Amino acid sequence: MNDTVMLALAGAAGVGLGAMFFGGLWWTVRKGASSTKPALWFIGSLLLRMSAAMAGLYVIGRGHWERMVVCLVGFLMARLVVTWLTRPLGEHHTSPAQEASHAP
């Protein structure tokens, strides 16, 4: 395949891995906070998410550092998207804060 296509696929796979990782983290925090055994939720989720992310990065990289970098960029982009999507409803607007006037 063409190198550009492979890099695009690596980026898309990185976004998918990141969405799985950070979406799973969000889900774990919500479930673990109300659980009677939160340590089991957090440790189990950490092991599962890390194993899946590391295995995915290893398979996608396949010895090509360019693919690995693009995959990691996609992973971090997914972090930004999941963070934005999981904010409380009142925080979705992005208007700048009003500055206070200290003049009398």
Protein backbone atom coordinates (compact mmCIF):
# COMPACT_ATOMS: atom_id res chain seq x y z
CA MET A 1 0.00 0.00 0.00
CA ASN A 2 0.93 3.61 -0.37
CA ASP A 3 2.79 5.16 2.58
CA THR A 4 0.25 7.96 2.87
CA VAL A 5 -2.62 5.49 3.11
CA MET A 6 -0.78 3.49 5.76
CA LEU A 7 -0.12 6.63 7.80
CA ALA A 8 -3.78 7.64 7.54
CA LEU A 9 -4.85 4.18 8.69
CA ALA A 10 -2.38 4.35 11.57
CA GLY A 11 -3.82 7.72 12.61
CA ALA A 12 -7.37 6.40 12.46
CA ALA A 13 -6.36 3.35 14.47
CA GLY A 14 -4.73 5.65 17.03
CA VAL A 15 -7.96 7.62 17.34
CA GLY A 16 -9.83 4.36 17.88
CA LEU A 17 -7.36 3.15 20.49
CA GLY A 18 -7.48 6.50 22.27
CA ALA A 19 -11.28 6.55 22.24
CA MET A 20 -11.31 3.06 23.72
CA PHE A 21 -8.71 3.94 26.34
CA PHE A 22 -10.06 7.29 27.51
CA GLY A 23 -13.71 6.37 27.04
CA GLY A 24 -13.05 3.28 29.13
CA LEU A 25 -11.39 5.44 31.76
CA TRP A 26 -14.43 7.72 31.91
CA TRP A 27 -16.75 4.72 32.17
CA THR A 28 -14.59 3.16 34.90
CA VAL A 29 -14.61 6.33 37.00
CA ARG A 30 -18.41 6.51 36.76
CA LYS A 31 -18.87 2.83 37.66
CA GLY A 32 -16.08 2.68 40.23
CA ALA A 33 -17.31 5.71 42.15
CA SER A 34 -20.63 4.01 42.93
CA SER A 35 -19.27 0.48 43.37
CA THR A 36 -18.78 -1.36 46.64
CA LYS A 37 -15.39 -2.61 45.35
CA PRO A 38 -13.87 0.34 43.46
CA ALA A 39 -10.31 -1.00 43.62
CA LEU A 40 -11.33 -4.02 41.60
CA TRP A 41 -12.92 -1.78 38.94
CA PHE A 42 -9.92 0.53 38.69
CA ILE A 43 -7.22 -2.13 38.66
CA GLY A 44 -9.12 -4.39 36.26
CA SER A 45 -9.87 -1.50 33.93
CA LEU A 46 -6.27 -0.28 34.03
CA LEU A 47 -4.91 -3.70 33.10
CA LEU A 48 -7.44 -4.20 30.32
CA ARG A 49 -7.08 -0.70 28.83
CA MET A 50 -3.28 -0.68 29.01
CA SER A 51 -3.00 -4.16 27.51
CA ALA A 52 -5.30 -3.28 24.61
CA ALA A 53 -3.58 0.06 23.96
CA MET A 54 -0.06 -1.35 24.10
CA ALA A 55 -0.93 -4.34 21.91
CA GLY A 56 -2.64 -2.05 19.41
CA LEU A 57 0.30 0.34 19.27
CA TYR A 58 2.70 -2.57 18.84
CA VAL A 59 0.69 -4.10 15.99
CA ILE A 60 0.14 -0.77 14.24
CA GLY A 61 3.79 0.30 14.51
CA ARG A 62 5.26 -2.89 13.03
CA GLY A 63 8.77 -1.50 13.22
CA HIS A 64 7.94 1.77 11.44
CA TRP A 65 8.50 4.77 13.67
CA GLU A 66 6.45 7.01 11.39
CA ARG A 67 3.34 4.89 11.90
CA MET A 68 3.94 4.84 15.63
CA VAL A 69 4.19 8.64 15.81
CA VAL A 70 1.04 9.14 13.75
CA CYS A 71 -0.78 6.56 15.86
CA LEU A 72 0.26 8.33 19.06
CA VAL A 73 -0.91 11.68 17.66
CA GLY A 74 -4.29 10.09 16.89
CA PHE A 75 -4.35 8.63 20.41
CA LEU A 76 -3.81 12.08 21.92
CA MET A 77 -6.41 13.64 19.61
CA ALA A 78 -8.92 11.11 20.90
CA ARG A 79 -8.04 12.19 24.43
CA LEU A 80 -9.00 15.76 23.60
CA VAL A 81 -12.27 14.68 21.99
CA VAL A 82 -13.27 12.34 24.84
CA THR A 83 -12.38 15.02 27.40
CA TRP A 84 -14.51 17.55 25.53
CA LEU A 85 -17.45 15.16 25.11
CA THR A 86 -17.52 14.04 28.74
CA ARG A 87 -17.54 17.48 30.35
CA PRO A 88 -20.58 18.43 32.43
CA LEU A 89 -23.33 20.08 30.36
CA GLY A 90 -22.69 23.60 31.65
CA GLU A 91 -19.07 23.60 30.48
CA HIS A 92 -19.60 22.97 26.73
CA HIS A 93 -19.64 26.61 25.74
CA THR A 94 -16.30 28.19 24.93
CA SER A 95 -17.00 31.88 25.39
CA PRO A 96 -14.16 33.84 26.95
CA ALA A 97 -14.54 34.87 30.56
CA GLN A 98 -15.50 38.45 31.31
CA GLU A 99 -12.69 40.42 32.87
CA ALA A 100 -13.50 42.27 36.05
CA SER A 101 -13.06 46.00 35.97
CA HIS A 102 -11.15 47.33 38.96
CA ALA A 103 -11.71 50.95 38.09
CA PRO A 104 -14.26 52.86 40.25
